[in-house]
Amino acid sequence: METFYYEVVSIDGDYANLKRTDIESDELKLVARALLPPEIREGSRLKYEWMQYSLI
């Protein structure tokens, strides 16, 4: 499985916008907050591995 790294750019209700940080990309990924760790804030850094997000 591949590992991806993201930063939480914004939180809008039940969703968060994530930006990839391990590659050059301006594209945002909209993810339901239910899939993310509950303690995330704007600026939090996340690792996506084995279909699971975790704080780093």
C-alpha atoms as a PDB file:
ATOM      1  CA  MET A   1       0.000   0.000   0.000  1.00  0.00           C
ATOM      2  CA  GLU A   2       1.123   3.516  -0.732  1.00  0.00           C
ATOM      3  CA  THR A   3       1.456   6.246   1.882  1.00  0.00           C
ATOM      4  CA  PHE A   4       0.208   9.799   1.234  1.00  0.00           C
ATOM      5  CA  TYR A   5       0.715  12.939   3.315  1.00  0.00           C
ATOM      6  CA  TYR A   6      -1.825  15.744   3.638  1.00  0.00           C
ATOM      7  CA  GLU A   7      -2.374  19.047   5.392  1.00  0.00           C
ATOM      8  CA  VAL A   8      -5.818  20.166   6.554  1.00  0.00           C
ATOM      9  CA  VAL A   9      -6.440  23.391   4.631  1.00  0.00           C
ATOM     10  CA  SER A  10      -9.960  24.100   5.883  1.00  0.00           C
ATOM     11  CA  ILE A  11     -12.814  22.542   7.795  1.00  0.00           C
ATOM     12  CA  ASP A  12     -16.366  23.127   6.632  1.00  0.00           C
ATOM     13  CA  GLY A  13     -18.955  21.449   8.836  1.00  0.00           C
ATOM     14  CA  ASP A  14     -18.757  17.680   8.364  1.00  0.00           C
ATOM     15  CA  TYR A  15     -16.024  17.888   5.724  1.00  0.00           C
ATOM     16  CA  ALA A  16     -12.373  18.885   5.537  1.00  0.00           C
ATOM     17  CA  ASN A  17     -10.322  20.010   2.559  1.00  0.00           C
ATOM     18  CA  LEU A  18      -6.957  18.265   2.406  1.00  0.00           C
ATOM     19  CA  LYS A  19      -3.931  19.187   0.307  1.00  0.00           C
ATOM     20  CA  ARG A  20      -1.224  16.670  -0.620  1.00  0.00           C
ATOM     21  CA  THR A  21       2.150  17.641   0.791  1.00  0.00           C
ATOM     22  CA  ASP A  22       4.286  14.779  -0.530  1.00  0.00           C
ATOM     23  CA  ILE A  23       3.920  15.955  -4.149  1.00  0.00           C
ATOM     24  CA  GLU A  24       3.458  19.292  -5.920  1.00  0.00           C
ATOM     25  CA  SER A  25      -0.294  19.763  -6.212  1.00  0.00           C
ATOM     26  CA  ASP A  26      -2.788  22.595  -5.790  1.00  0.00           C
ATOM     27  CA  GLU A  27      -5.703  20.170  -5.897  1.00  0.00           C
ATOM     28  CA  LEU A  28      -7.791  19.780  -2.729  1.00  0.00           C
ATOM     29  CA  LYS A  29      -9.429  16.564  -1.598  1.00  0.00           C
ATOM     30  CA  LEU A  30     -12.791  16.794   0.186  1.00  0.00           C
ATOM     31  CA  VAL A  31     -12.996  14.183   2.962  1.00  0.00           C
ATOM     32  CA  ALA A  32     -15.774  13.485   5.476  1.00  0.00           C
ATOM     33  CA  ARG A  33     -14.624  14.336   9.010  1.00  0.00           C
ATOM     34  CA  ALA A  34     -15.978  10.985  10.198  1.00  0.00           C
ATOM     35  CA  LEU A  35     -13.012   9.394   8.369  1.00  0.00           C
ATOM     36  CA  LEU A  36     -10.462  11.699  10.035  1.00  0.00           C
ATOM     37  CA  PRO A  37      -9.074  11.803  13.581  1.00  0.00           C
ATOM     38  CA  PRO A  38     -11.488  13.858  15.752  1.00  0.00           C
ATOM     39  CA  GLU A  39      -8.750  16.202  17.037  1.00  0.00           C
ATOM     40  CA  ILE A  40      -7.798  17.663  13.630  1.00  0.00           C
ATOM     41  CA  ARG A  41      -7.559  21.427  13.183  1.00  0.00           C
ATOM     42  CA  GLU A  42      -6.699  23.618  10.205  1.00  0.00           C
ATOM     43  CA  GLY A  43      -2.988  23.138   9.614  1.00  0.00           C
ATOM     44  CA  SER A  44      -2.928  19.585  11.023  1.00  0.00           C
ATOM     45  CA  ARG A  45      -0.728  17.149   9.130  1.00  0.00           C
ATOM     46  CA  LEU A  46      -2.083  13.716   8.286  1.00  0.00           C
ATOM     47  CA  LYS A  47      -0.740  10.446   6.965  1.00  0.00           C
ATOM     48  CA  TYR A  48      -2.988   8.214   4.849  1.00  0.00           C
ATOM     49  CA  GLU A  49      -1.939   4.583   4.935  1.00  0.00           C
ATOM     50  CA  TRP A  50      -3.881   1.311   4.767  1.00  0.00           C
ATOM     51  CA  MET A  51      -7.119   3.221   4.087  1.00  0.00           C
ATOM     52  CA  GLN A  52      -6.806   5.151   7.379  1.00  0.00           C
ATOM     53  CA  TYR A  53      -5.867   8.736   8.280  1.00  0.00           C
ATOM     54  CA  SER A  54      -3.652   9.445  11.295  1.00  0.00           C
ATOM     55  CA  LEU A  55      -2.138  12.607  12.758  1.00  0.00           C
ATOM     56  CA  ILE A  56       1.597  13.132  12.443  1.00  0.00           C
END
